[in-house]
Amino acid sequence: MSEQIGQLTRKVVRRELHSSRAVPSVVAAVLISFFCLYVMLEAALKATGQEAWLVSPEQAGAWLGDLPGNLQVAPLAVGGLLVFLIGVALFLSAVLPGRRARHTIPNSRTAIVVDAEVLASALARRARVAAGVTPDQVTVTVGRRAVDVQVRPTSGVPVDVEGIRSVVEDELALTSVEPVPTVRVAVAPSGVIGQ
């Protein structure tokens, strides 16, 4: 029973960490379905001896057979590039992992998923206290593999970069996020006056 719960927890965590492919799949399926329905409509109209709705199958076949002779090079190149870019976008959507900006915290009893913005807020608070600056002077960005801390110091007051890095690393250790990102601290060359 506990193995089934563990598998279910892993599935839930994976679903929360990865974005769904449903939207691009549905869009592609709807477009292909409309195209196929249109071709079937034109074929049915031709089979019953009625006039074509937009383009008859013979006209479409003749037009395609005359390519590229019946078009100028520029529209043909733009159309080919557009089809290529749509194909690349659909291919990348299918192949790339599509990770969301979230991290997991291991727990034996439940699945815990933390949004990157929530984690960045907690890390920014700790970095701000360690640097002795106001909240507006610290910006934290949490990525999959790295945490970037940017500090704008108060003019004339030195900032301990290693101290900030160790405080942020300690906070990450307390949260136990997986995977553990590396911490990078950058101090702006110009400070803020009167903070």
Protein backbone atom coordinates (compact mmCIF):
# COMPACT_ATOMS: atom_id res chain seq x y z
CA MET A 1 0.00 0.00 0.00
CA SER A 2 2.76 2.46 0.91
CA GLU A 3 4.47 1.72 -2.42
CA GLN A 4 1.30 2.70 -4.28
CA ILE A 5 1.08 5.92 -2.26
CA GLY A 6 4.74 6.62 -3.07
CA GLN A 7 4.10 6.13 -6.79
CA LEU A 8 1.04 8.36 -6.62
CA THR A 9 3.04 11.05 -4.79
CA ARG A 10 5.76 10.93 -7.47
CA LYS A 11 3.15 11.27 -10.21
CA VAL A 12 1.54 14.25 -8.47
CA VAL A 13 4.91 15.95 -7.97
CA ARG A 14 5.87 15.36 -11.62
CA ARG A 15 2.56 16.81 -12.77
CA GLU A 16 3.08 19.89 -10.60
CA LEU A 17 6.66 20.42 -11.81
CA HIS A 18 6.00 20.00 -15.54
CA SER A 19 3.61 21.96 -17.73
CA SER A 20 0.90 20.19 -19.68
CA ARG A 21 1.15 19.64 -23.43
CA ALA A 22 -2.64 19.72 -23.77
CA VAL A 23 -2.96 23.22 -25.26
CA PRO A 24 -0.54 22.77 -28.20
CA SER A 25 -1.91 19.26 -28.80
CA VAL A 26 -5.51 20.47 -28.90
CA VAL A 27 -4.65 23.42 -31.15
CA ALA A 28 -2.79 21.18 -33.60
CA ALA A 29 -5.58 18.58 -33.57
CA VAL A 30 -8.29 21.21 -34.16
CA LEU A 31 -6.39 22.79 -37.06
CA ILE A 32 -5.71 19.43 -38.69
CA SER A 33 -9.34 18.38 -38.15
CA PHE A 34 -10.67 21.57 -39.78
CA PHE A 35 -8.36 21.08 -42.75
CA CYS A 36 -9.44 17.45 -43.16
CA LEU A 37 -13.13 18.39 -42.86
CA TYR A 38 -12.68 21.06 -45.51
CA VAL A 39 -10.98 18.59 -47.88
CA MET A 40 -13.78 16.08 -47.25
CA LEU A 41 -16.40 18.77 -47.94
CA GLU A 42 -14.78 19.71 -51.24
CA ALA A 43 -14.47 16.03 -52.21
CA ALA A 44 -18.14 15.41 -51.33
CA LEU A 45 -19.23 18.45 -53.37
CA LYS A 46 -17.16 17.19 -56.32
CA ALA A 47 -18.58 13.66 -55.97
CA THR A 48 -22.19 14.94 -56.02
CA GLY A 49 -21.51 17.18 -59.03
CA GLN A 50 -21.97 20.48 -57.21
CA GLU A 51 -19.77 23.57 -57.43
CA ALA A 52 -16.76 23.84 -55.17
CA TRP A 53 -17.21 25.83 -51.98
CA LEU A 54 -13.79 27.58 -52.17
CA VAL A 55 -11.41 25.61 -54.38
CA SER A 56 -12.09 22.38 -56.23
CA PRO A 57 -9.70 19.46 -55.72
CA GLU A 58 -8.55 19.74 -59.37
CA GLN A 59 -7.76 23.44 -58.98
CA ALA A 60 -5.86 22.82 -55.73
CA GLY A 61 -3.91 19.96 -57.32
CA ALA A 62 -3.06 22.01 -60.40
CA TRP A 63 -1.97 24.96 -58.26
CA LEU A 64 0.28 22.73 -56.13
CA GLY A 65 1.66 21.05 -59.27
CA ASP A 66 2.65 24.41 -60.76
CA LEU A 67 4.60 25.51 -57.66
CA PRO A 68 6.94 27.37 -57.56
CA GLY A 69 6.24 28.65 -61.07
CA ASN A 70 2.92 30.30 -60.25
CA LEU A 71 4.23 32.35 -57.29
CA GLN A 72 6.93 34.88 -56.74
CA VAL A 73 9.90 33.78 -54.66
CA ALA A 74 9.28 36.11 -51.68
CA PRO A 75 5.77 34.87 -50.69
CA LEU A 76 6.86 31.27 -51.24
CA ALA A 77 9.92 31.75 -49.02
CA VAL A 78 7.86 33.47 -46.30
CA GLY A 79 5.25 30.70 -46.40
CA GLY A 80 7.93 28.01 -46.22
CA LEU A 81 9.65 29.77 -43.32
CA LEU A 82 6.33 30.11 -41.48
CA VAL A 83 5.55 26.40 -41.91
CA PHE A 84 9.08 25.54 -40.76
CA LEU A 85 8.80 27.72 -37.63
CA ILE A 86 5.42 26.22 -36.72
CA GLY A 87 6.91 22.75 -37.12
CA VAL A 88 9.93 23.61 -34.96
CA ALA A 89 7.68 25.13 -32.26
CA LEU A 90 5.47 22.02 -32.17
CA PHE A 91 8.52 19.72 -32.15
CA LEU A 92 10.19 21.62 -29.29
CA SER A 93 6.91 21.68 -27.37
CA ALA A 94 6.76 17.89 -27.64
CA VAL A 95 10.42 17.17 -26.85
CA LEU A 96 11.48 19.73 -24.22
CA PRO A 97 10.62 19.00 -20.58
CA GLY A 98 8.48 22.12 -20.03
CA ARG A 99 9.46 22.64 -16.41
CA ARG A 100 7.52 25.06 -14.26
CA ALA A 101 9.21 27.47 -11.87
CA ARG A 102 8.72 25.19 -8.88
CA HIS A 103 10.82 23.09 -6.53
CA THR A 104 10.04 20.11 -4.34
CA ILE A 105 10.70 19.66 -0.65
CA PRO A 106 11.14 16.00 0.32
CA ASN A 107 8.70 14.71 2.89
CA SER A 108 7.92 11.10 3.81
CA ARG A 109 4.21 11.76 4.40
CA THR A 110 3.14 14.14 1.65
CA ALA A 111 4.19 15.92 -1.53
CA ILE A 112 5.39 19.49 -1.05
CA VAL A 113 5.87 21.75 -4.06
CA VAL A 114 7.11 25.33 -3.59
CA ASP A 115 6.69 28.06 -6.18
CA ALA A 116 9.95 29.81 -7.13
CA GLU A 117 8.51 33.24 -6.26
CA VAL A 118 7.72 32.14 -2.70
CA LEU A 119 11.22 30.74 -2.29
CA ALA A 120 12.73 33.93 -3.78
CA SER A 121 10.78 36.05 -1.31
CA ALA A 122 12.09 34.09 1.69
CA LEU A 123 15.66 34.20 0.36
CA ALA A 124 15.41 37.94 -0.34
CA ARG A 125 14.31 38.61 3.22
CA ARG A 126 17.28 36.70 4.62
CA ALA A 127 19.71 38.36 2.18
CA ARG A 128 18.32 41.81 3.02
CA VAL A 129 18.79 41.26 6.75
CA ALA A 130 22.34 39.94 6.21
CA ALA A 131 23.28 42.90 3.99
CA GLY A 132 21.60 45.47 6.24
CA VAL A 133 19.69 47.12 3.41
CA THR A 134 16.05 47.93 2.62
CA PRO A 135 13.77 45.51 0.73
CA ASP A 136 14.05 47.59 -2.46
CA GLN A 137 17.80 47.04 -2.57
CA VAL A 138 17.72 43.23 -2.88
CA THR A 139 16.42 41.22 -5.82
CA VAL A 140 16.43 37.42 -5.82
CA THR A 141 15.72 35.24 -8.84
CA VAL A 142 15.30 31.50 -8.33
CA GLY A 143 15.94 29.25 -11.30
CA ARG A 144 16.14 25.51 -11.69
CA ARG A 145 19.89 25.34 -11.07
CA ALA A 146 20.84 28.72 -9.63
CA VAL A 147 19.73 31.44 -7.24
CA ASP A 148 20.83 34.94 -8.28
CA VAL A 149 20.98 37.53 -5.50
CA GLN A 150 21.50 41.12 -6.62
CA VAL A 151 22.26 43.71 -3.95
CA ARG A 152 22.39 47.50 -4.37
CA PRO A 153 24.30 48.61 -1.27
CA THR A 154 23.89 51.88 0.57
CA SER A 155 26.61 54.31 -0.54
CA GLY A 156 29.68 54.10 1.65
CA VAL A 157 28.58 50.94 3.48
CA PRO A 158 30.46 47.78 2.44
CA VAL A 159 28.55 44.57 1.82
CA ASP A 160 29.83 41.12 2.86
CA VAL A 161 29.23 39.00 -0.25
CA GLU A 162 30.32 35.75 1.39
CA GLY A 163 28.10 36.44 4.41
CA ILE A 164 25.08 36.96 2.15
CA ARG A 165 25.92 33.82 0.18
CA SER A 166 26.22 31.71 3.35
CA VAL A 167 22.93 33.04 4.79
CA VAL A 168 21.10 32.27 1.54
CA GLU A 169 22.68 28.81 1.37
CA ASP A 170 21.64 28.17 5.00
CA GLU A 171 18.05 29.15 4.16
CA LEU A 172 18.10 26.80 1.17
CA ALA A 173 19.43 24.02 3.43
CA LEU A 174 16.60 24.66 5.90
CA THR A 175 13.95 24.40 3.20
CA SER A 176 15.58 21.24 1.74
CA VAL A 177 14.46 22.08 -1.81
CA GLU A 178 15.38 19.61 -4.52
CA PRO A 179 17.43 20.00 -6.60
CA VAL A 180 19.61 22.34 -4.54
CA PRO A 181 20.47 25.38 -6.68
CA THR A 182 23.84 27.13 -6.50
CA VAL A 183 23.88 30.64 -5.04
CA ARG A 184 25.39 33.58 -6.92
CA VAL A 185 25.63 36.99 -5.27
CA ALA A 186 26.24 40.15 -7.29
CA VAL A 187 26.74 43.59 -5.72
CA ALA A 188 25.93 46.63 -7.86
CA PRO A 189 28.92 48.92 -8.46
CA SER A 190 26.93 52.02 -7.51
CA GLY A 191 25.13 52.36 -4.21
CA VAL A 192 21.86 53.92 -3.11
CA ILE A 193 22.04 57.29 -1.38
CA GLY A 194 20.30 57.89 1.94
CA GLN A 195 18.81 54.47 2.59
